[in-house]
Every structure is written in C-alpha cells, then in structure tokens.
Protein backbone atom coordinates (compact mmCIF):
# COMPACT_ATOMS: atom_id res chain seq x y z
CA UNK A 1 78.32 21.27 -31.83
CA UNK A 2 78.51 22.60 -28.30
CA UNK A 3 79.79 20.81 -25.27
CA UNK A 4 77.77 22.02 -22.42
CA UNK A 5 78.49 20.60 -19.09
CA UNK A 6 76.75 21.58 -15.64
CA UNK A 7 79.55 20.98 -13.11
CA UNK A 8 78.89 21.29 -9.43
CA UNK A 9 81.58 21.85 -6.46
CA UNK A 10 80.78 20.12 -3.30
CA UNK A 11 81.95 22.52 -0.46
CA UNK A 12 82.47 19.98 2.32
CA UNK A 13 83.91 20.24 5.64
CA UNK A 14 87.13 18.78 7.18
CA UNK A 15 85.49 15.78 9.09
CA UNK A 16 87.21 13.88 11.56
CA UNK A 17 86.35 10.19 10.34
CA UNK A 18 84.94 8.21 7.24
CA UNK A 19 81.19 8.10 8.35
CA UNK A 20 80.93 11.74 8.91
CA UNK A 21 82.72 12.41 5.58
CA UNK A 22 80.63 9.79 3.50
CA UNK A 23 77.31 11.48 4.80
CA UNK A 24 78.23 15.12 3.95
CA UNK A 25 79.65 13.98 0.50
CA UNK A 26 76.72 12.07 -0.53
CA UNK A 27 74.18 14.49 0.87
CA UNK A 28 75.87 17.37 -1.06
CA UNK A 29 76.07 15.01 -3.95
CA UNK A 30 72.41 14.24 -4.26
CA UNK A 31 71.71 18.22 -4.09
CA UNK A 32 73.93 18.80 -6.83
CA UNK A 33 72.27 15.90 -8.85
CA UNK A 34 68.83 17.46 -7.99
CA UNK A 35 70.22 20.83 -9.72
CA UNK A 36 71.07 18.93 -12.86
CA UNK A 37 74.91 18.45 -12.50
CA UNK A 38 76.43 15.66 -14.43
CA UNK A 39 80.01 16.20 -13.12
CA UNK A 40 80.69 16.66 -9.37
CA UNK A 41 84.02 17.74 -7.83
CA UNK A 42 84.82 17.19 -3.99
CA UNK A 43 87.75 19.12 -2.15
CA UNK A 44 91.18 17.90 -1.02
CA UNK A 45 91.07 15.59 1.81
CA UNK A 46 87.39 15.10 1.38
CA UNK A 47 87.70 11.77 3.00
CA UNK A 48 88.50 13.37 6.43
CA UNK A 49 91.21 15.75 7.74
CA UNK A 50 92.74 16.02 11.22
CA UNK A 51 95.76 18.16 12.44
CA UNK A 52 98.25 17.44 15.02
CA UNK A 53 100.27 20.42 15.29
CA UNK A 54 102.33 21.30 11.93
CA UNK A 55 101.37 17.86 10.73
CA UNK A 56 98.32 16.54 8.85
CA UNK A 57 96.53 13.09 10.17
CA UNK A 58 93.78 12.50 7.69
CA UNK A 59 91.89 9.12 8.28
CA UNK A 60 93.69 6.37 6.04
CA UNK A 61 92.46 3.51 3.94
CA UNK A 62 93.61 1.80 0.62
CA UNK A 63 92.02 3.04 -2.46
CA UNK A 64 90.10 -0.20 -3.25
CA UNK A 65 88.60 0.11 0.58
CA UNK A 66 88.31 3.71 0.92
CA UNK A 67 84.72 4.53 2.09
CA UNK A 68 84.54 7.95 0.41
CA UNK A 69 85.75 6.71 -3.00
CA UNK A 70 83.33 3.53 -2.87
CA UNK A 71 80.45 5.82 -1.65
CA UNK A 72 81.16 8.16 -4.76
CA UNK A 73 81.65 5.16 -7.46
CA UNK A 74 77.99 3.91 -5.80
CA UNK A 75 76.48 7.19 -6.30
CA UNK A 76 78.06 7.71 -9.64
CA UNK A 77 76.83 4.56 -11.32
CA UNK A 78 73.22 5.32 -9.75
CA UNK A 79 72.97 8.64 -11.04
CA UNK A 80 75.04 8.14 -14.25
CA UNK A 81 77.35 11.11 -13.21
CA UNK A 82 80.87 11.67 -13.14
CA UNK A 83 82.86 12.37 -9.83
CA UNK A 84 86.24 14.03 -9.03
CA UNK A 85 87.20 12.72 -5.67
CA UNK A 86 89.56 15.94 -5.14
CA UNK A 87 91.90 13.81 -2.74
CA UNK A 88 91.78 11.21 0.20
CA UNK A 89 94.83 9.97 2.15
CA UNK A 90 95.83 6.18 1.12
CA UNK A 91 98.66 4.43 2.80
CA UNK A 92 102.30 4.86 1.21
CA UNK A 93 105.70 3.21 2.07
CA UNK A 94 107.40 3.23 5.55
CA UNK A 95 104.39 4.63 7.41
CA UNK A 96 103.68 7.72 5.16
CA UNK A 97 100.84 8.76 3.42
CA UNK A 98 99.67 9.41 -0.23
CA UNK A 99 97.52 12.40 -0.90
CA UNK A 100 95.67 10.82 -4.07
CA UNK A 101 92.75 12.18 -6.06
CA UNK A 102 90.68 9.84 -8.32
CA UNK A 103 88.26 10.42 -11.33
CA UNK A 104 85.27 8.09 -11.30
CA UNK A 105 83.37 7.86 -14.42
CA UNK A 106 79.53 7.40 -14.79
CA UNK A 107 79.58 3.81 -14.61
CA UNK A 108 81.27 3.90 -11.14
CA UNK A 109 84.77 3.01 -12.25
CA UNK A 110 87.83 4.66 -11.17
CA UNK A 111 89.44 5.92 -14.45
CA UNK A 112 92.07 8.11 -13.20
CA UNK A 113 94.06 8.85 -10.35
CA UNK A 114 96.84 11.79 -9.31
CA UNK A 115 99.28 11.90 -6.50
CA UNK A 116 99.70 15.58 -5.16
CA UNK A 117 103.18 16.52 -6.44
CA UNK A 118 103.78 19.72 -4.40
CA UNK A 119 103.93 19.64 -0.48
CA UNK A 120 102.18 22.32 1.41
CA UNK A 121 105.16 23.08 4.03
CA UNK A 122 104.99 26.68 4.81
CA UNK A 123 105.39 29.04 8.07
CA UNK A 124 103.21 32.03 7.94
CA UNK A 125 104.01 32.71 11.78
CA UNK A 126 105.37 31.31 14.99
CA UNK A 127 102.14 29.33 15.46
CA UNK A 128 100.99 28.97 11.75
CA UNK A 129 103.20 26.11 10.58
CA UNK A 130 102.23 23.49 8.15
CA UNK A 131 104.46 20.52 7.12
CA UNK A 132 102.37 17.98 4.75
CA UNK A 133 105.76 16.57 4.11
CA UNK A 134 106.17 14.99 7.52
CA UNK A 135 103.15 12.52 6.70
CA UNK A 136 102.88 12.45 2.90
CA UNK A 137 105.03 11.03 0.25
CA UNK A 138 104.90 13.58 -3.14
CA UNK A 139 103.84 12.19 -6.18
CA UNK A 140 106.04 12.50 -9.37
CA UNK A 141 103.42 12.47 -12.25
CA UNK A 142 100.90 14.91 -13.74
CA UNK A 143 97.48 13.55 -14.39
CA UNK A 144 95.62 14.57 -17.64
CA UNK A 145 92.22 12.56 -18.24
CA UNK A 146 89.93 12.07 -21.14
CA UNK A 147 86.15 12.79 -20.33
CA UNK A 148 83.13 12.72 -22.79
CA UNK A 149 83.53 16.50 -22.97
CA UNK A 150 87.23 16.98 -23.37
CA UNK A 151 90.49 16.82 -21.43
CA UNK A 152 90.76 17.44 -17.71
CA UNK A 153 93.95 17.95 -15.67
CA UNK A 154 93.86 17.20 -12.03
CA UNK A 155 96.02 19.02 -9.58
CA UNK A 156 95.64 19.49 -5.77
CA UNK A 157 95.71 22.45 -3.55
CA UNK A 158 99.39 23.97 -3.21
CA UNK A 159 100.06 22.97 -6.68
CA UNK A 160 98.20 25.92 -7.69
CA UNK A 161 101.27 28.18 -6.80
CA UNK A 162 103.32 26.43 -9.54
CA UNK A 163 101.94 27.46 -12.88
CA UNK A 164 104.39 25.49 -15.08
CA UNK A 165 102.23 22.37 -14.03
CA UNK A 166 99.11 23.91 -15.45
CA UNK A 167 100.71 25.33 -18.56
CA UNK A 168 102.18 21.80 -19.18
CA UNK A 169 98.89 20.32 -18.97
CA UNK A 170 97.16 22.97 -20.98
CA UNK A 171 99.68 22.73 -23.66
CA UNK A 172 99.07 18.70 -23.59
CA UNK A 173 95.26 19.37 -24.30
CA UNK A 174 93.63 20.19 -20.87
CA UNK A 175 90.46 22.47 -21.23
CA UNK A 176 89.38 22.09 -17.77
CA UNK A 177 91.83 22.29 -14.74
CA UNK A 178 90.78 20.80 -11.46
CA UNK A 179 92.09 22.49 -8.29
CA UNK A 180 90.63 20.64 -5.38
CA UNK A 181 91.82 22.07 -2.04
CA UNK A 182 91.75 22.78 1.66
CA UNK A 183 93.45 26.21 1.54
CA UNK A 184 93.71 27.26 4.90
CA UNK A 185 91.54 30.56 6.01
CA UNK A 186 94.75 33.03 6.17
CA UNK A 187 96.33 31.91 2.75
CA UNK A 188 92.98 31.64 1.22
CA UNK A 189 91.91 35.34 1.89
CA UNK A 190 95.40 36.48 0.62
CA UNK A 191 95.69 34.33 -2.61
CA UNK A 192 92.84 31.86 -3.35
CA UNK A 193 90.94 33.98 -5.86
CA UNK A 194 93.82 35.55 -7.70
CA UNK A 195 95.69 32.31 -7.94
CA UNK A 196 92.94 30.34 -9.44
CA UNK A 197 91.89 33.06 -11.84
CA UNK A 198 95.33 33.39 -12.91
CA UNK A 199 95.60 29.66 -13.75
CA UNK A 200 92.45 30.09 -15.95
CA UNK A 201 93.64 33.16 -17.67
CA UNK A 202 97.00 31.90 -18.45
CA UNK A 203 95.94 28.82 -19.82
CA UNK A 204 92.47 29.67 -21.50
CA UNK A 205 90.97 26.93 -19.62
CA UNK A 206 87.98 26.27 -17.25
CA UNK A 207 89.19 26.04 -13.30
CA UNK A 208 86.89 23.75 -11.22
CA UNK A 209 88.30 24.42 -7.60
CA UNK A 210 86.10 22.84 -4.80
CA UNK A 211 87.70 24.01 -1.30
CA UNK A 212 86.74 22.57 1.97
CA UNK A 213 85.71 25.13 4.48
CA UNK A 214 85.25 25.28 8.17
CA UNK A 215 87.40 24.20 11.33
CA UNK A 216 89.76 21.39 10.98
CA UNK A 217 89.63 18.99 13.96
CA UNK A 218 92.71 19.46 15.74
CA UNK A 219 93.34 22.95 14.62
CA UNK A 220 93.33 25.41 11.77
CA UNK A 221 90.64 26.38 9.37
CA UNK A 222 89.97 25.75 5.43
CA UNK A 223 88.61 28.82 3.50
CA UNK A 224 85.86 27.61 1.35
CA UNK A 225 85.01 29.81 -1.54
CA UNK A 226 84.81 26.76 -4.14
CA UNK A 227 85.07 28.55 -7.53
CA UNK A 228 84.07 27.77 -11.00
CA UNK A 229 86.03 30.20 -13.61
CA UNK A 230 85.72 30.59 -17.31
CA UNK A 231 88.57 30.49 -19.66
CA UNK A 232 88.82 34.44 -19.79
CA UNK A 233 88.89 34.34 -15.86
CA UNK A 234 85.39 35.37 -14.91
CA UNK A 235 83.96 33.78 -11.65
CA UNK A 236 80.89 32.00 -12.74
CA UNK A 237 79.95 30.65 -9.18
CA UNK A 238 81.64 31.19 -5.55
CA UNK A 239 80.76 29.06 -2.61
CA UNK A 240 81.37 31.56 -0.02
CA UNK A 241 82.29 30.51 3.30
CA UNK A 242 79.48 28.07 4.30
CA UNK A 243 78.70 24.30 3.55
CA UNK A 244 76.83 23.71 0.32
CA UNK A 245 76.78 23.26 -3.45
CA UNK A 246 77.68 25.68 -6.37
CA UNK A 247 76.88 24.87 -10.04
CA UNK A 248 77.49 26.16 -13.26
CA UNK A 249 77.13 25.29 -16.92
CA UNK A 250 80.25 25.56 -19.07
CA UNK A 251 80.57 25.22 -22.59
CA UNK A 252 84.05 23.76 -23.52
CA UNK A 253 83.96 25.24 -27.12
CA UNK A 254 84.82 28.48 -25.29
CA UNK A 255 88.26 27.25 -24.54
CA UNK A 256 89.10 27.49 -28.15
CA UNK A 257 87.77 30.58 -28.58
CA UNK A 258 89.68 32.21 -25.59
CA UNK A 259 92.63 30.51 -26.84
CA UNK A 260 92.41 31.91 -30.40
CA UNK A 261 91.77 35.38 -29.10
CA UNK A 262 95.10 35.25 -26.67
CA UNK A 263 97.18 32.35 -28.03
CA UNK A 264 99.79 32.53 -25.44
CA UNK A 265 100.12 28.70 -25.21
CA UNK A 266 101.80 28.65 -28.69
CA UNK A 267 103.94 31.83 -28.03
CA UNK A 268 106.53 30.28 -25.98
CA UNK A 269 110.12 31.39 -26.84
CA UNK A 270 113.51 30.13 -25.53
CA UNK A 271 115.23 32.36 -23.13
CA UNK A 272 118.69 32.06 -21.15
CA UNK A 273 118.71 30.02 -18.19
CA UNK A 274 119.73 30.85 -14.63
CA UNK A 275 123.03 32.50 -14.35
CA UNK A 276 123.19 33.24 -18.19
CA UNK A 277 120.55 36.33 -18.02
CA UNK A 278 121.70 39.21 -19.52
CA UNK A 279 120.51 42.70 -18.91
CA UNK A 280 120.86 45.47 -21.65
CA UNK A 281 122.61 48.35 -20.48
CA UNK A 282 121.03 51.91 -21.45
C-alpha cells in the first residue's frame, strides 16, 4: 500500500522573543493545515534568535515550559497532525545552552528529541564570524524516530555538511531526513541547495529542510529557501526568500524504489585509513 504524506515547511523569521515566535509559528501552521498538511516542520531556532557579535543569543526556556513547544503541542493535538519543532534553545550546564529539536505526535506528546551535534563555528570574512560553541553545548547522539509513515532522521543546520551522519541514519532505516536550519544568507546562496540535494541523492531519502528567512535581530540574515526534496534529488518545493508555507505530497514507497535503482547504501567497502593510503604508480 502506498504511504503518501502531505508535508509542510513553515518558513518563519528569526524572532526576538517568545510571543512573536509563537504567533508566527501558529499562524503558518494553521495555513499549512488548511492546505491538507499532516506533518509540519519548523526551522532551527524557531523559538527566537538574536545575535551578539559572533555569538548566538536565542531566548531560552526549559523544554517543559517552552512557549513554542507547548503551542505546537496544543496545535498538534487539536488538529491531529505531527510537528517537528526544528530547534529551540533550552538551558544546559554552567550557563550554556542546548540547541534542541523535538518531534511532536498527533496526540500532542513529545516523542523524540535531538540536540545538535555540529557547532556552527566559521569565519567567512573579518566581519562574518559565527561561534555557536561560545554559547551552545553540542549533543553526542543521533536521532532516529518512528512515525506512522516511516523512520525519520533529525539533524540541524550545520549538520548538513557532515554526510556520514546522514549515511548512518539512512543505513539505520531513515527514509526521511529532516534538516531544519537558519542558514546564513551568504552560505545559503553558495551551498544550501547543493548540500540538501546531495543528502537526498546519497541516501535515497526524502529531505525536509525548513529554513528561517530574514534579518536576525542584532545582525545577520537567514537565507530562507525551505526545501522538500525527493529521493532522486528533485526539488518538489522551494520557499524562496519570503515568509510563508510550502507543501508537497511525498510517497515513502519511492524511497525503496530509489534505493533499488542505485543501491549505494549497501555498497560500502573497507579502505585503508589516514596515513595508510596507497596511490598506485603508473
């Protein structure tokens, strides 16, 4: 039996506080539900994001008391939909934060969580410097969730540059790879589409990649262009640069079809490690 699913990416803006973040997330979620979506995906730091020089300073609340998580729990239960809260900031230890995403079932229960593993510490120029690790403690565990449609692997933003994480998730059964993000405008223009499509193609999986858009309070800009991509790398929907909702119907049975055509996930071979590589001489 086919496993169709109408998914939506909610392309929110980086908001300065919880009330504005909740208002926009709920408004876009209701638009997506009106379009028939039964799985909603929000971007990274959808609970709000503020920058302070190279450091990211999002609004912080515990998972249990987080206004955005609780608003989406209420909405999911009311409308019997699933929701992926791409990530919000929750308290860590020693004054640090955790960049955490959660999966919410159609009963409103939190049924999975993922703490971002790879920290966005880059220097694009003398002025374009980001140090996520200055405020955020990285996670150390991949996240693979069971859903009514199939298995979903949850990653966040900068993770998309580490293909081994996605291969591990796919080889463990992931048919959907979620990549909620707040990609910068500069890096997004260069790499967002090609990296997102590559993760779909390499793994024969759907990629659902909601990305925030617009100016970040305090400085910086998120790229937008939320994407829904099929297992052969075709872009089914692209959110462009503005606020809004994108939807697409996906069929999880196409994952098996793509993987049977190009079965690279079962073609791994051992090779010599670093320092042992041998290059054949002509």
